[in-house]
Amino acid sequence: MVEEGVASPESIDKAMELGYGHPMGPLRVSDLVGLDVRLAIAKTLHQELGAAHFAPPGILVEKVREGKLGKKSGEGFYRWEK
């Protein structure tokens, strides 16, 4: 949804928190875990399961390529102060 410009990371996270009762939205969690870690997981799932819909999202690949790894680099889906 972020990649397609449908919603912001903040909106997606808020919807998951309010709508599904998650304590933290998936994009904020991804930033905390590390986008490089999330990308490695996505690549492994795609390799093992083979279906096209398991391919890593382009926005994730792009952010990792740019060094935007989340909290550990200061920027991912969010900007983090050190």
N, C-alpha and C. Protein backbone atom coordinates (compact mmCIF):
# COMPACT_ATOMS: atom_id res chain seq x y z
N MET A 1 0.82 -1.19 0.00
CA MET A 1 0.00 0.00 0.00
C MET A 1 0.86 1.26 0.00
N VAL A 2 1.97 1.22 0.72
CA VAL A 2 2.90 2.36 0.72
C VAL A 2 3.51 2.49 -0.67
N GLU A 3 3.95 1.37 -1.22
CA GLU A 3 4.59 1.36 -2.53
C GLU A 3 3.67 1.91 -3.61
N GLU A 4 2.39 1.64 -3.51
CA GLU A 4 1.42 2.10 -4.50
C GLU A 4 0.86 3.48 -4.20
N GLY A 5 1.28 4.08 -3.09
CA GLY A 5 0.82 5.42 -2.73
C GLY A 5 -0.60 5.47 -2.19
N VAL A 6 -1.11 4.32 -1.76
CA VAL A 6 -2.47 4.24 -1.24
C VAL A 6 -2.56 4.76 0.19
N ALA A 7 -1.52 4.50 0.98
CA ALA A 7 -1.54 4.89 2.39
C ALA A 7 -0.11 5.12 2.87
N SER A 8 0.01 5.92 3.91
CA SER A 8 1.32 6.18 4.52
C SER A 8 1.65 5.06 5.52
N PRO A 9 2.92 4.92 5.86
CA PRO A 9 3.28 3.95 6.90
C PRO A 9 2.52 4.19 8.20
N GLU A 10 2.37 5.47 8.56
CA GLU A 10 1.66 5.81 9.80
C GLU A 10 0.20 5.34 9.75
N SER A 11 -0.44 5.55 8.61
CA SER A 11 -1.85 5.14 8.46
C SER A 11 -2.01 3.62 8.52
N ILE A 12 -1.12 2.92 7.87
CA ILE A 12 -1.17 1.46 7.87
C ILE A 12 -0.96 0.94 9.29
N ASP A 13 0.04 1.46 9.96
CA ASP A 13 0.30 1.02 11.32
C ASP A 13 -0.87 1.33 12.25
N LYS A 14 -1.43 2.51 12.14
CA LYS A 14 -2.56 2.89 12.98
C LYS A 14 -3.76 1.98 12.71
N ALA A 15 -4.02 1.65 11.45
CA ALA A 15 -5.13 0.76 11.11
C ALA A 15 -4.94 -0.63 11.73
N MET A 16 -3.72 -1.13 11.71
CA MET A 16 -3.46 -2.45 12.29
C MET A 16 -3.57 -2.42 13.81
N GLU A 17 -3.17 -1.31 14.42
CA GLU A 17 -3.28 -1.18 15.87
C GLU A 17 -4.74 -1.07 16.30
N LEU A 18 -5.49 -0.20 15.63
CA LEU A 18 -6.88 0.01 16.02
C LEU A 18 -7.81 -1.09 15.52
N GLY A 19 -7.60 -1.53 14.29
CA GLY A 19 -8.50 -2.51 13.68
C GLY A 19 -8.25 -3.94 14.12
N TYR A 20 -7.00 -4.29 14.36
CA TYR A 20 -6.66 -5.67 14.69
C TYR A 20 -6.11 -5.83 16.10
N GLY A 21 -5.96 -4.72 16.80
CA GLY A 21 -5.48 -4.79 18.18
C GLY A 21 -4.00 -5.09 18.32
N HIS A 22 -3.23 -4.89 17.24
CA HIS A 22 -1.80 -5.12 17.36
C HIS A 22 -1.19 -4.04 18.25
N PRO A 23 -0.25 -4.40 19.11
CA PRO A 23 0.37 -3.39 19.98
C PRO A 23 1.23 -2.39 19.19
N MET A 24 1.69 -2.80 18.01
CA MET A 24 2.52 -1.94 17.17
C MET A 24 2.27 -2.37 15.72
N GLY A 25 2.25 -1.39 14.82
CA GLY A 25 2.00 -1.70 13.42
C GLY A 25 3.16 -2.44 12.76
N PRO A 26 2.89 -3.13 11.65
CA PRO A 26 3.90 -3.96 10.99
C PRO A 26 5.08 -3.19 10.41
N LEU A 27 4.86 -1.97 9.98
CA LEU A 27 5.98 -1.23 9.39
C LEU A 27 6.91 -0.68 10.47
N ARG A 28 6.35 -0.28 11.59
CA ARG A 28 7.20 0.15 12.72
C ARG A 28 7.98 -1.06 13.26
N VAL A 29 7.34 -2.19 13.36
CA VAL A 29 8.03 -3.41 13.80
C VAL A 29 9.16 -3.74 12.83
N SER A 30 8.89 -3.62 11.54
CA SER A 30 9.91 -3.89 10.53
C SER A 30 11.12 -2.97 10.72
N ASP A 31 10.86 -1.70 10.98
CA ASP A 31 11.96 -0.77 11.23
C ASP A 31 12.77 -1.18 12.46
N LEU A 32 12.10 -1.65 13.48
CA LEU A 32 12.81 -2.06 14.70
C LEU A 32 13.61 -3.34 14.48
N VAL A 33 13.05 -4.29 13.77
CA VAL A 33 13.74 -5.55 13.48
C VAL A 33 14.91 -5.31 12.53
N GLY A 34 14.68 -4.44 11.57
CA GLY A 34 15.68 -4.15 10.54
C GLY A 34 15.14 -4.56 9.19
N LEU A 35 15.12 -3.63 8.27
CA LEU A 35 14.58 -3.94 6.95
C LEU A 35 15.44 -4.95 6.21
N ASP A 36 16.72 -4.99 6.51
CA ASP A 36 17.59 -6.01 5.92
C ASP A 36 17.21 -7.41 6.40
N VAL A 37 16.83 -7.51 7.66
CA VAL A 37 16.39 -8.80 8.21
C VAL A 37 15.06 -9.20 7.58
N ARG A 38 14.14 -8.24 7.48
CA ARG A 38 12.85 -8.52 6.85
C ARG A 38 13.03 -8.94 5.39
N LEU A 39 13.96 -8.31 4.68
CA LEU A 39 14.21 -8.67 3.29
C LEU A 39 14.77 -10.09 3.20
N ALA A 40 15.67 -10.44 4.07
CA ALA A 40 16.23 -11.80 4.06
C ALA A 40 15.13 -12.84 4.31
N ILE A 41 14.22 -12.54 5.22
CA ILE A 41 13.10 -13.44 5.50
C ILE A 41 12.21 -13.56 4.27
N ALA A 42 11.90 -12.43 3.65
CA ALA A 42 11.04 -12.43 2.46
C ALA A 42 11.68 -13.23 1.32
N LYS A 43 12.98 -13.05 1.13
CA LYS A 43 13.68 -13.80 0.07
C LYS A 43 13.65 -15.30 0.33
N THR A 44 13.84 -15.69 1.59
CA THR A 44 13.80 -17.10 1.95
C THR A 44 12.41 -17.69 1.72
N LEU A 45 11.37 -16.96 2.14
CA LEU A 45 10.00 -17.43 1.91
C LEU A 45 9.72 -17.59 0.42
N HIS A 46 10.14 -16.63 -0.36
CA HIS A 46 9.91 -16.69 -1.80
C HIS A 46 10.65 -17.89 -2.41
N GLN A 47 11.89 -18.07 -2.00
CA GLN A 47 12.68 -19.19 -2.51
C GLN A 47 12.07 -20.53 -2.13
N GLU A 48 11.65 -20.65 -0.89
CA GLU A 48 11.12 -21.93 -0.41
C GLU A 48 9.70 -22.22 -0.91
N LEU A 49 8.87 -21.19 -1.00
CA LEU A 49 7.47 -21.39 -1.36
C LEU A 49 7.21 -21.18 -2.85
N GLY A 50 8.08 -20.42 -3.50
CA GLY A 50 8.05 -20.30 -4.94
C GLY A 50 6.98 -19.43 -5.57
N ALA A 51 5.91 -19.15 -4.88
CA ALA A 51 4.82 -18.38 -5.48
C ALA A 51 5.22 -16.91 -5.63
N ALA A 52 4.80 -16.31 -6.73
CA ALA A 52 5.15 -14.92 -7.02
C ALA A 52 4.69 -13.95 -5.94
N HIS A 53 3.56 -14.23 -5.31
CA HIS A 53 3.06 -13.29 -4.30
C HIS A 53 3.91 -13.30 -3.02
N PHE A 54 4.87 -14.20 -2.92
CA PHE A 54 5.79 -14.19 -1.78
C PHE A 54 7.07 -13.42 -2.09
N ALA A 55 7.20 -12.90 -3.31
CA ALA A 55 8.40 -12.12 -3.67
C ALA A 55 8.49 -10.88 -2.79
N PRO A 56 9.70 -10.49 -2.40
CA PRO A 56 9.86 -9.30 -1.57
C PRO A 56 9.30 -8.06 -2.28
N PRO A 57 8.61 -7.20 -1.55
CA PRO A 57 8.11 -5.96 -2.16
C PRO A 57 9.25 -5.08 -2.66
N GLY A 58 9.03 -4.45 -3.79
CA GLY A 58 10.05 -3.59 -4.38
C GLY A 58 10.51 -2.49 -3.44
N ILE A 59 9.59 -1.92 -2.68
CA ILE A 59 9.95 -0.84 -1.76
C ILE A 59 10.92 -1.33 -0.68
N LEU A 60 10.79 -2.57 -0.26
CA LEU A 60 11.69 -3.14 0.74
C LEU A 60 13.08 -3.32 0.13
N VAL A 61 13.14 -3.87 -1.07
CA VAL A 61 14.41 -4.06 -1.77
C VAL A 61 15.10 -2.71 -1.96
N GLU A 62 14.34 -1.71 -2.39
CA GLU A 62 14.89 -0.37 -2.64
C GLU A 62 15.44 0.27 -1.37
N LYS A 63 14.68 0.19 -0.28
CA LYS A 63 15.13 0.80 0.98
C LYS A 63 16.43 0.16 1.46
N VAL A 64 16.51 -1.16 1.38
CA VAL A 64 17.73 -1.84 1.82
C VAL A 64 18.90 -1.45 0.91
N ARG A 65 18.66 -1.39 -0.39
CA ARG A 65 19.71 -0.99 -1.34
C ARG A 65 20.22 0.41 -1.02
N GLU A 66 19.34 1.29 -0.57
CA GLU A 66 19.71 2.66 -0.23
C GLU A 66 20.31 2.78 1.17
N GLY A 67 20.40 1.67 1.91
CA GLY A 67 20.95 1.70 3.26
C GLY A 67 19.96 2.16 4.31
N LYS A 68 18.69 2.24 3.94
CA LYS A 68 17.63 2.62 4.88
C LYS A 68 17.11 1.35 5.54
N LEU A 69 17.76 1.00 6.64
CA LEU A 69 17.52 -0.29 7.29
C LEU A 69 16.58 -0.21 8.49
N GLY A 70 16.06 0.96 8.76
CA GLY A 70 15.20 1.14 9.92
C GLY A 70 15.93 1.86 11.03
N LYS A 71 15.58 1.55 12.25
CA LYS A 71 16.13 2.26 13.41
C LYS A 71 17.65 2.22 13.46
N LYS A 72 18.24 1.09 13.10
CA LYS A 72 19.70 0.97 13.22
C LYS A 72 20.46 1.90 12.27
N SER A 73 19.82 2.35 11.19
CA SER A 73 20.48 3.28 10.28
C SER A 73 19.91 4.69 10.39
N GLY A 74 18.84 4.85 11.18
CA GLY A 74 18.23 6.16 11.36
C GLY A 74 17.04 6.42 10.44
N GLU A 75 16.84 5.56 9.46
CA GLU A 75 15.70 5.73 8.56
C GLU A 75 15.32 4.40 7.92
N GLY A 76 14.03 4.22 7.80
CA GLY A 76 13.45 3.07 7.11
C GLY A 76 12.10 3.54 6.59
N PHE A 77 11.04 2.99 7.12
CA PHE A 77 9.71 3.53 6.83
C PHE A 77 9.48 4.80 7.65
N TYR A 78 10.23 4.93 8.73
CA TYR A 78 10.18 6.09 9.62
C TYR A 78 11.57 6.67 9.76
N ARG A 79 11.67 7.89 10.24
CA ARG A 79 12.96 8.50 10.61
C ARG A 79 13.14 8.30 12.10
N TRP A 80 14.33 7.89 12.48
CA TRP A 80 14.64 7.60 13.88
C TRP A 80 15.76 8.52 14.34
N GLU A 81 15.57 9.11 15.49
CA GLU A 81 16.60 9.97 16.08
C GLU A 81 17.56 9.08 16.86
N LYS A 82 18.83 9.41 16.77
CA LYS A 82 19.84 8.62 17.50
C LYS A 82 20.07 9.17 18.86
